[in-house]
C-alpha cells in the first residue's frame, strides 16, 4: 500500500463525519480490522481516518503496590492494563499502531480542548511511537463539510 496520511479522531462518529467530508466523492471505504473500523479516503493523496474510543491511555502508579499513598511516581499505560472493563482498548491501540507504521504524515483531529489534546498526544506518543512532535492539528468547532475542509487545508 502506498504511503498515506493518518488522521486520528477522538470518537467513531467524528471519524465517520471527517471521512465523508474529506473524500473527493463523499464515499469513503469503511474497513474493519479486529472489530475496529476506519475509513480509506480518496483525495489528492490517500488518507486513513481512524478513531480512538476516548482515553486509550491512563496514568498508573509505579511502585510499592496499589494502596500506597501518596503517589509521587506514575507513568502512562494503556487502559486495558489497569482497568478490567477496558479489554477492547487493546484492539484499538493495535490497529492504530499498525496503521501508523506505513503513514508518512499524521493529523490529530481529536476535539480541540484539553481532553482531546491529551487523547491525541497519548496516541501519537505511544501508539504511533513518538509522532507527537510531527503530527499536525485540525482545529474545528463543528463537524460540517465546510469547517472540516477548511481545517484540513490549513
N, C-alpha and C. Protein backbone atom coordinates (compact mmCIF):
# COMPACT_ATOMS: atom_id res chain seq x y z
N UNK A 1 0.84 -1.18 0.00
CA UNK A 1 0.00 0.00 0.00
C UNK A 1 0.89 1.25 0.00
N UNK A 2 0.49 2.24 -0.79
CA UNK A 2 1.28 3.47 -0.85
C UNK A 2 1.16 4.24 0.46
N UNK A 3 2.07 5.17 0.65
CA UNK A 3 2.08 5.98 1.86
C UNK A 3 0.82 6.85 1.93
N UNK A 4 0.42 7.17 3.13
CA UNK A 4 -0.81 7.92 3.34
C UNK A 4 -0.67 8.81 4.56
N UNK A 5 -1.68 9.66 4.74
CA UNK A 5 -1.78 10.49 5.93
C UNK A 5 -2.75 9.82 6.89
N UNK A 6 -2.35 9.66 8.13
CA UNK A 6 -3.20 9.06 9.15
C UNK A 6 -3.83 10.17 9.98
N UNK A 7 -5.16 10.18 9.99
CA UNK A 7 -5.92 11.15 10.79
C UNK A 7 -6.57 10.39 11.93
N UNK A 8 -6.33 10.85 13.15
CA UNK A 8 -6.91 10.19 14.33
C UNK A 8 -7.91 11.13 14.99
N UNK A 9 -9.11 10.60 15.24
CA UNK A 9 -10.16 11.37 15.90
C UNK A 9 -10.40 10.80 17.30
N UNK A 10 -11.18 11.53 18.07
CA UNK A 10 -11.44 11.13 19.45
C UNK A 10 -12.51 10.05 19.56
N UNK A 11 -13.46 10.06 18.64
CA UNK A 11 -14.56 9.11 18.72
C UNK A 11 -15.00 8.65 17.33
N UNK A 12 -15.62 7.46 17.24
CA UNK A 12 -16.01 6.91 15.94
C UNK A 12 -16.92 7.80 15.11
N UNK A 13 -17.86 8.48 15.73
CA UNK A 13 -18.78 9.33 14.95
C UNK A 13 -18.03 10.47 14.28
N UNK A 14 -17.02 11.01 14.93
CA UNK A 14 -16.21 12.08 14.33
C UNK A 14 -15.39 11.54 13.17
N UNK A 15 -14.86 10.33 13.30
CA UNK A 15 -14.08 9.73 12.21
C UNK A 15 -14.94 9.58 10.96
N UNK A 16 -16.16 9.12 11.14
CA UNK A 16 -17.06 8.95 10.01
C UNK A 16 -17.38 10.29 9.35
N UNK A 17 -17.71 11.30 10.14
CA UNK A 17 -18.04 12.61 9.58
C UNK A 17 -16.86 13.22 8.84
N UNK A 18 -15.67 13.10 9.41
CA UNK A 18 -14.47 13.64 8.77
C UNK A 18 -14.17 12.89 7.48
N UNK A 19 -14.28 11.58 7.50
CA UNK A 19 -14.01 10.78 6.30
C UNK A 19 -14.95 11.16 5.16
N UNK A 20 -16.23 11.29 5.46
CA UNK A 20 -17.19 11.65 4.42
C UNK A 20 -16.96 13.07 3.92
N UNK A 21 -16.58 13.97 4.80
CA UNK A 21 -16.35 15.36 4.40
C UNK A 21 -15.11 15.50 3.53
N UNK A 22 -14.07 14.72 3.79
CA UNK A 22 -12.81 14.89 3.07
C UNK A 22 -12.68 14.02 1.82
N UNK A 23 -13.50 13.00 1.68
CA UNK A 23 -13.42 12.15 0.49
C UNK A 23 -13.87 12.92 -0.74
N UNK A 24 -13.11 12.82 -1.83
CA UNK A 24 -13.42 13.61 -3.03
C UNK A 24 -14.79 13.27 -3.62
N UNK A 25 -15.27 12.05 -3.40
CA UNK A 25 -16.59 11.66 -3.91
C UNK A 25 -17.63 11.58 -2.81
N UNK A 26 -17.22 11.83 -1.57
CA UNK A 26 -18.15 11.73 -0.45
C UNK A 26 -18.52 10.31 -0.09
N UNK A 27 -17.68 9.34 -0.57
CA UNK A 27 -17.97 7.92 -0.33
C UNK A 27 -16.70 7.18 0.11
N UNK A 28 -16.22 7.44 1.31
CA UNK A 28 -15.02 6.73 1.76
C UNK A 28 -15.31 5.24 1.96
N UNK A 29 -14.27 4.44 1.85
CA UNK A 29 -14.43 3.00 2.04
C UNK A 29 -14.23 2.67 3.52
N UNK A 30 -15.22 2.00 4.10
CA UNK A 30 -15.13 1.60 5.50
C UNK A 30 -14.45 0.23 5.58
N UNK A 31 -13.44 0.13 6.43
CA UNK A 31 -12.68 -1.12 6.60
C UNK A 31 -12.74 -1.50 8.07
N UNK A 32 -12.78 -2.81 8.34
CA UNK A 32 -12.73 -3.28 9.72
C UNK A 32 -11.54 -4.19 9.92
N UNK A 33 -10.85 -3.99 11.02
CA UNK A 33 -9.73 -4.83 11.41
C UNK A 33 -9.88 -5.08 12.91
N UNK A 34 -10.06 -6.32 13.31
CA UNK A 34 -10.24 -6.68 14.72
C UNK A 34 -11.43 -5.95 15.34
N UNK A 35 -12.49 -5.80 14.58
CA UNK A 35 -13.70 -5.08 15.01
C UNK A 35 -13.47 -3.59 15.24
N UNK A 36 -12.39 -3.05 14.71
CA UNK A 36 -12.12 -1.62 14.77
C UNK A 36 -12.31 -1.06 13.36
N UNK A 37 -13.21 -0.11 13.22
CA UNK A 37 -13.49 0.48 11.91
C UNK A 37 -12.59 1.67 11.64
N UNK A 38 -12.19 1.80 10.38
CA UNK A 38 -11.50 3.00 9.92
C UNK A 38 -11.90 3.23 8.47
N UNK A 39 -11.55 4.40 7.94
CA UNK A 39 -12.00 4.80 6.61
C UNK A 39 -10.83 5.10 5.70
N UNK A 40 -10.92 4.59 4.46
CA UNK A 40 -9.96 4.91 3.40
C UNK A 40 -10.58 6.05 2.60
N UNK A 41 -9.88 7.16 2.56
CA UNK A 41 -10.41 8.38 1.94
C UNK A 41 -9.60 8.70 0.70
N UNK A 42 -10.31 8.89 -0.42
CA UNK A 42 -9.65 9.28 -1.67
C UNK A 42 -9.61 10.80 -1.75
N UNK A 43 -8.44 11.30 -2.03
CA UNK A 43 -8.21 12.73 -2.14
C UNK A 43 -6.99 12.91 -3.02
N UNK A 44 -6.39 14.10 -3.06
CA UNK A 44 -5.17 14.29 -3.84
C UNK A 44 -4.10 13.29 -3.42
N UNK A 45 -4.07 12.94 -2.14
CA UNK A 45 -3.25 11.82 -1.67
C UNK A 45 -4.10 11.04 -0.68
N UNK A 46 -3.82 9.74 -0.53
CA UNK A 46 -4.69 8.91 0.31
C UNK A 46 -4.63 9.30 1.79
N UNK A 47 -5.79 9.19 2.42
CA UNK A 47 -5.92 9.43 3.85
C UNK A 47 -6.55 8.20 4.49
N UNK A 48 -6.18 7.93 5.73
CA UNK A 48 -6.88 6.95 6.53
C UNK A 48 -7.36 7.67 7.78
N UNK A 49 -8.65 7.55 8.06
CA UNK A 49 -9.24 8.19 9.24
C UNK A 49 -9.66 7.09 10.21
N UNK A 50 -9.10 7.14 11.40
CA UNK A 50 -9.40 6.15 12.44
C UNK A 50 -9.71 6.89 13.73
N UNK A 51 -10.52 6.27 14.57
CA UNK A 51 -10.89 6.94 15.82
C UNK A 51 -10.29 6.23 17.02
N UNK A 52 -10.20 6.97 18.10
CA UNK A 52 -9.94 6.38 19.40
C UNK A 52 -11.31 6.04 19.99
N UNK A 53 -11.31 5.57 21.20
CA UNK A 53 -12.54 5.39 21.97
C UNK A 53 -12.41 6.25 23.21
N UNK A 54 -12.20 7.52 23.01
CA UNK A 54 -11.90 8.38 24.14
C UNK A 54 -10.49 8.08 24.63
N UNK A 55 -10.33 8.04 25.93
CA UNK A 55 -8.99 7.81 26.51
C UNK A 55 -8.59 6.35 26.36
N UNK A 56 -7.52 6.11 25.60
CA UNK A 56 -6.98 4.75 25.47
C UNK A 56 -5.81 4.54 26.42
N UNK A 57 -5.32 5.61 27.00
CA UNK A 57 -4.20 5.56 27.95
C UNK A 57 -4.62 6.22 29.25
N UNK A 58 -4.01 5.78 30.34
CA UNK A 58 -4.28 6.36 31.65
C UNK A 58 -2.99 6.36 32.47
N UNK A 59 -3.01 7.03 33.59
CA UNK A 59 -1.83 7.01 34.45
C UNK A 59 -1.95 5.85 35.43
N UNK A 60 -0.81 5.23 35.71
CA UNK A 60 -0.76 4.12 36.67
C UNK A 60 0.37 4.37 37.64
N UNK A 61 0.15 3.95 38.84
CA UNK A 61 1.13 4.10 39.92
C UNK A 61 2.32 3.19 39.66
N UNK A 62 3.50 3.72 39.84
CA UNK A 62 4.72 2.93 39.73
C UNK A 62 5.25 2.76 41.14
N UNK A 63 5.37 1.53 41.59
CA UNK A 63 5.99 1.39 42.89
C UNK A 63 5.40 0.36 43.80
N UNK A 64 5.17 0.76 45.04
CA UNK A 64 5.00 -0.15 46.16
C UNK A 64 3.62 -0.76 46.33
N UNK A 65 2.87 -0.91 45.34
CA UNK A 65 1.57 -1.53 45.49
C UNK A 65 0.44 -0.52 45.35
N UNK A 66 -0.73 -1.06 45.24
CA UNK A 66 -1.89 -0.27 44.90
C UNK A 66 -2.37 0.67 46.01
N UNK A 67 -2.16 0.32 47.25
CA UNK A 67 -2.71 1.10 48.36
C UNK A 67 -1.67 1.97 49.04
N UNK A 68 -0.60 2.25 48.37
CA UNK A 68 0.45 3.06 48.96
C UNK A 68 0.23 4.52 48.60
N UNK A 69 0.11 5.39 49.59
CA UNK A 69 -0.13 6.81 49.35
C UNK A 69 0.91 7.64 50.08
N UNK A 70 1.24 8.81 49.69
CA UNK A 70 0.80 9.48 48.47
C UNK A 70 1.52 8.92 47.24
N UNK A 71 0.93 9.13 46.09
CA UNK A 71 1.51 8.65 44.84
C UNK A 71 2.34 9.77 44.22
N UNK A 72 3.63 9.53 44.11
CA UNK A 72 4.53 10.51 43.50
C UNK A 72 5.09 10.02 42.17
N UNK A 73 5.03 8.73 41.94
CA UNK A 73 5.60 8.16 40.72
C UNK A 73 4.51 7.46 39.93
N UNK A 74 4.33 7.91 38.70
CA UNK A 74 3.34 7.29 37.84
C UNK A 74 3.84 7.31 36.41
N UNK A 75 3.17 6.54 35.56
CA UNK A 75 3.51 6.52 34.13
C UNK A 75 2.23 6.32 33.33
N UNK A 76 2.30 6.68 32.06
CA UNK A 76 1.18 6.47 31.15
C UNK A 76 1.22 5.03 30.65
N UNK A 77 0.07 4.35 30.71
CA UNK A 77 -0.04 2.96 30.25
C UNK A 77 -1.36 2.80 29.51
N UNK A 78 -1.46 1.79 28.63
CA UNK A 78 -2.75 1.51 28.01
C UNK A 78 -3.79 1.18 29.08
N UNK A 79 -5.00 1.67 28.90
CA UNK A 79 -6.06 1.45 29.90
C UNK A 79 -6.31 -0.01 30.18
N UNK A 80 -6.19 -0.88 29.18
CA UNK A 80 -6.50 -2.29 29.39
C UNK A 80 -5.57 -2.96 30.40
N UNK A 81 -4.43 -2.36 30.69
CA UNK A 81 -3.51 -2.93 31.67
C UNK A 81 -3.95 -2.68 33.11
N UNK A 82 -4.78 -1.67 33.33
CA UNK A 82 -5.17 -1.32 34.70
C UNK A 82 -6.68 -1.34 34.95
N UNK A 83 -7.47 -1.42 33.90
CA UNK A 83 -8.93 -1.42 34.06
C UNK A 83 -9.51 -2.72 33.51
N UNK A 84 -10.24 -3.43 34.34
CA UNK A 84 -10.80 -4.73 33.95
C UNK A 84 -11.77 -4.63 32.77
N UNK A 85 -12.53 -3.57 32.70
CA UNK A 85 -13.56 -3.44 31.67
C UNK A 85 -13.08 -2.73 30.41
N UNK A 86 -11.79 -2.68 30.19
CA UNK A 86 -11.25 -1.94 29.04
C UNK A 86 -10.51 -2.86 28.06
N UNK A 87 -10.93 -4.10 27.96
CA UNK A 87 -10.23 -5.07 27.09
C UNK A 87 -10.25 -4.66 25.62
N UNK A 88 -11.35 -4.04 25.14
CA UNK A 88 -11.44 -3.65 23.73
C UNK A 88 -10.44 -2.57 23.37
N UNK A 89 -9.94 -1.84 24.37
CA UNK A 89 -8.95 -0.79 24.14
C UNK A 89 -7.70 -1.36 23.48
N UNK A 90 -7.33 -2.58 23.86
CA UNK A 90 -6.14 -3.22 23.29
C UNK A 90 -6.25 -3.32 21.77
N UNK A 91 -7.43 -3.69 21.26
CA UNK A 91 -7.63 -3.81 19.82
C UNK A 91 -7.46 -2.47 19.12
N UNK A 92 -8.02 -1.42 19.71
CA UNK A 92 -7.90 -0.08 19.12
C UNK A 92 -6.43 0.34 19.04
N UNK A 93 -5.69 0.14 20.11
CA UNK A 93 -4.28 0.51 20.12
C UNK A 93 -3.50 -0.29 19.09
N UNK A 94 -3.78 -1.59 18.98
CA UNK A 94 -3.09 -2.43 17.99
C UNK A 94 -3.36 -1.96 16.57
N UNK A 95 -4.61 -1.65 16.26
CA UNK A 95 -4.96 -1.21 14.90
C UNK A 95 -4.33 0.15 14.60
N UNK A 96 -4.41 1.08 15.53
CA UNK A 96 -3.81 2.40 15.31
C UNK A 96 -2.30 2.27 15.13
N UNK A 97 -1.66 1.44 15.94
CA UNK A 97 -0.21 1.22 15.81
C UNK A 97 0.14 0.65 14.44
N UNK A 98 -0.65 -0.30 13.99
CA UNK A 98 -0.41 -0.92 12.68
C UNK A 98 -0.57 0.11 11.55
N UNK A 99 -1.61 0.93 11.63
CA UNK A 99 -1.84 1.95 10.61
C UNK A 99 -0.73 3.00 10.61
N UNK A 100 -0.19 3.30 11.77
CA UNK A 100 0.86 4.32 11.89
C UNK A 100 2.16 3.89 11.22
N UNK A 101 2.40 2.59 11.11
CA UNK A 101 3.67 2.09 10.57
C UNK A 101 3.91 2.52 9.13
N UNK A 102 2.86 2.62 8.32
CA UNK A 102 3.02 2.97 6.91
C UNK A 102 2.58 4.40 6.59
N UNK A 103 2.27 5.16 7.61
CA UNK A 103 1.85 6.55 7.39
C UNK A 103 3.07 7.45 7.26
N UNK A 104 2.96 8.44 6.38
CA UNK A 104 4.06 9.40 6.24
C UNK A 104 3.73 10.74 6.89
N UNK A 105 2.46 11.00 7.09
CA UNK A 105 2.03 12.22 7.78
C UNK A 105 0.96 11.85 8.79
N UNK A 106 0.85 12.68 9.82
CA UNK A 106 -0.08 12.40 10.91
C UNK A 106 -0.85 13.67 11.23
N UNK A 107 -2.17 13.50 11.46
CA UNK A 107 -3.02 14.64 11.81
C UNK A 107 -3.86 14.28 13.02
N UNK A 108 -3.81 15.14 14.02
CA UNK A 108 -4.61 14.99 15.23
C UNK A 108 -5.93 15.73 15.00
N UNK A 109 -7.02 14.98 14.90
CA UNK A 109 -8.34 15.58 14.71
C UNK A 109 -9.23 15.31 15.92
N UNK A 110 -8.62 15.11 17.07
CA UNK A 110 -9.39 14.98 18.31
C UNK A 110 -9.98 16.34 18.66
N UNK A 111 -10.96 16.33 19.54
CA UNK A 111 -11.60 17.59 19.93
C UNK A 111 -10.55 18.61 20.34
N UNK A 112 -10.81 19.86 20.00
CA UNK A 112 -9.85 20.92 20.29
C UNK A 112 -10.11 21.50 21.68
N UNK A 113 -9.85 20.67 22.68
CA UNK A 113 -9.93 21.08 24.08
C UNK A 113 -8.84 20.33 24.83
N UNK A 114 -8.75 20.52 26.12
CA UNK A 114 -7.67 19.89 26.88
C UNK A 114 -7.76 18.37 26.82
N UNK A 115 -8.97 17.83 26.99
CA UNK A 115 -9.14 16.38 26.96
C UNK A 115 -8.78 15.80 25.60
N UNK A 116 -9.28 16.42 24.53
CA UNK A 116 -8.96 15.94 23.19
C UNK A 116 -7.49 16.04 22.87
N UNK A 117 -6.86 17.11 23.33
CA UNK A 117 -5.42 17.28 23.12
C UNK A 117 -4.64 16.18 23.82
N UNK A 118 -5.06 15.81 25.02
CA UNK A 118 -4.39 14.74 25.76
C UNK A 118 -4.59 13.39 25.08
N UNK A 119 -5.80 13.12 24.63
CA UNK A 119 -6.07 11.86 23.93
C UNK A 119 -5.18 11.75 22.69
N UNK A 120 -5.15 12.80 21.88
CA UNK A 120 -4.32 12.80 20.68
C UNK A 120 -2.85 12.67 21.00
N UNK A 121 -2.38 13.42 21.98
CA UNK A 121 -0.96 13.37 22.36
C UNK A 121 -0.56 11.94 22.76
N UNK A 122 -1.35 11.31 23.61
CA UNK A 122 -1.01 9.95 24.05
C UNK A 122 -0.99 8.97 22.88
N UNK A 123 -1.94 9.09 21.97
CA UNK A 123 -1.96 8.19 20.81
C UNK A 123 -0.74 8.39 19.92
N UNK A 124 -0.40 9.64 19.63
CA UNK A 124 0.76 9.89 18.77
C UNK A 124 2.07 9.55 19.47
N UNK A 125 2.12 9.72 20.78
CA UNK A 125 3.36 9.41 21.51
C UNK A 125 3.55 7.91 21.69
N UNK A 126 2.50 7.19 22.08
CA UNK A 126 2.65 5.78 22.43
C UNK A 126 2.22 4.83 21.32
N UNK A 127 1.01 4.94 20.82
CA UNK A 127 0.54 4.01 19.78
C UNK A 127 1.27 4.23 18.46
N UNK A 128 1.55 5.47 18.12
CA UNK A 128 2.24 5.78 16.86
C UNK A 128 3.75 5.91 17.03
N UNK A 129 4.24 5.70 18.21
CA UNK A 129 5.66 5.72 18.57
C UNK A 129 6.33 7.06 18.26
N UNK A 130 6.16 7.99 19.16
CA UNK A 130 6.84 9.29 19.14
C UNK A 130 6.58 10.15 17.91
N UNK A 131 5.34 10.18 17.47
CA UNK A 131 4.96 11.05 16.35
C UNK A 131 4.29 12.34 16.84
N UNK A 132 4.25 12.56 18.14
CA UNK A 132 3.54 13.72 18.69
C UNK A 132 4.13 15.05 18.23
N UNK A 133 5.41 15.08 17.94
CA UNK A 133 6.04 16.35 17.53
C UNK A 133 5.86 16.66 16.05
N UNK A 134 5.54 15.66 15.24
CA UNK A 134 5.36 15.92 13.81
C UNK A 134 3.90 15.92 13.39
N UNK A 135 3.01 15.50 14.29
CA UNK A 135 1.59 15.47 13.95
C UNK A 135 1.06 16.89 13.82
N UNK A 136 0.29 17.11 12.77
CA UNK A 136 -0.37 18.40 12.58
C UNK A 136 -1.69 18.38 13.34
N UNK A 137 -2.32 19.52 13.47
CA UNK A 137 -3.55 19.63 14.27
C UNK A 137 -4.68 20.19 13.43
N UNK A 138 -5.79 19.47 13.35
CA UNK A 138 -7.00 20.02 12.75
C UNK A 138 -7.77 20.74 13.84
N UNK A 139 -8.15 21.98 13.57
CA UNK A 139 -8.91 22.77 14.54
C UNK A 139 -10.26 23.11 13.92
N UNK A 140 -11.31 22.63 14.54
CA UNK A 140 -12.66 22.89 14.04
C UNK A 140 -13.61 22.91 15.23
N UNK A 141 -14.70 23.64 15.08
CA UNK A 141 -15.68 23.68 16.17
C UNK A 141 -16.97 22.97 15.80
N UNK A 142 -17.17 22.72 14.51
CA UNK A 142 -18.33 21.95 14.07
C UNK A 142 -17.87 20.90 13.07
N UNK A 143 -18.65 19.84 12.96
CA UNK A 143 -18.30 18.76 12.04
C UNK A 143 -19.03 18.91 10.70
N UNK A 144 -19.11 20.13 10.19
CA UNK A 144 -19.71 20.35 8.88
C UNK A 144 -18.64 20.16 7.80
N UNK A 145 -19.08 19.84 6.60
CA UNK A 145 -18.15 19.64 5.50
C UNK A 145 -17.27 20.87 5.29
N UNK A 146 -17.88 22.04 5.30
CA UNK A 146 -17.12 23.28 5.09
C UNK A 146 -16.06 23.48 6.17
N UNK A 147 -16.44 23.34 7.43
CA UNK A 147 -15.49 23.54 8.54
C UNK A 147 -14.36 22.52 8.48
N UNK A 148 -14.68 21.28 8.15
CA UNK A 148 -13.65 20.23 8.09
C UNK A 148 -12.71 20.43 6.91
N UNK A 149 -13.25 20.83 5.77
CA UNK A 149 -12.41 21.12 4.60
C UNK A 149 -11.44 22.26 4.91
N UNK A 150 -11.96 23.32 5.52
CA UNK A 150 -11.11 24.47 5.86
C UNK A 150 -10.02 24.07 6.86
N UNK A 151 -10.39 23.30 7.85
CA UNK A 151 -9.43 22.88 8.87
C UNK A 151 -8.35 21.98 8.27
N UNK A 152 -8.75 21.07 7.40
CA UNK A 152 -7.78 20.16 6.78
C UNK A 152 -6.81 20.91 5.88
N UNK A 153 -7.30 21.92 5.16
CA UNK A 153 -6.44 22.62 4.20
C UNK A 153 -5.44 23.55 4.87
N UNK A 154 -5.58 23.84 6.15
CA UNK A 154 -4.65 24.76 6.83
C UNK A 154 -3.40 24.07 7.27
